[in-house]
Amino acid sequence: MQKTLVALALLLVSMSSGAYAQQPQRSGTEAEQKACSRDVSRFCRSVMEQSDLVILSCLQQNRPKISKACNQVLVSHGQ
């Protein structure tokens, strides 16, 4: 569960400066956040304001479309 939250947190932090200011503070390395921020913006925009688990679920549902870098972040956190 903790790995799930970490993976999701990484994805949301660096969306855009405006969206970032509105997002709750997330965890994860800067590199992990950067790897997934574009995918979250692109495929999960409608759920960006929701919980980390909802965003993780969205990324998993869009797994064939997400970038290799973001997929690797999910895999490295057991997702």
Foldseek 3Di string as FASTA:
>chain_A
DVLLQLLLLLQQCPQDPVSNVVEDRGHYDVQSNVQRNVVCVVQVVVCSNDGSNVSSVRCVVCVVPGDPSSVVSCVVSVD
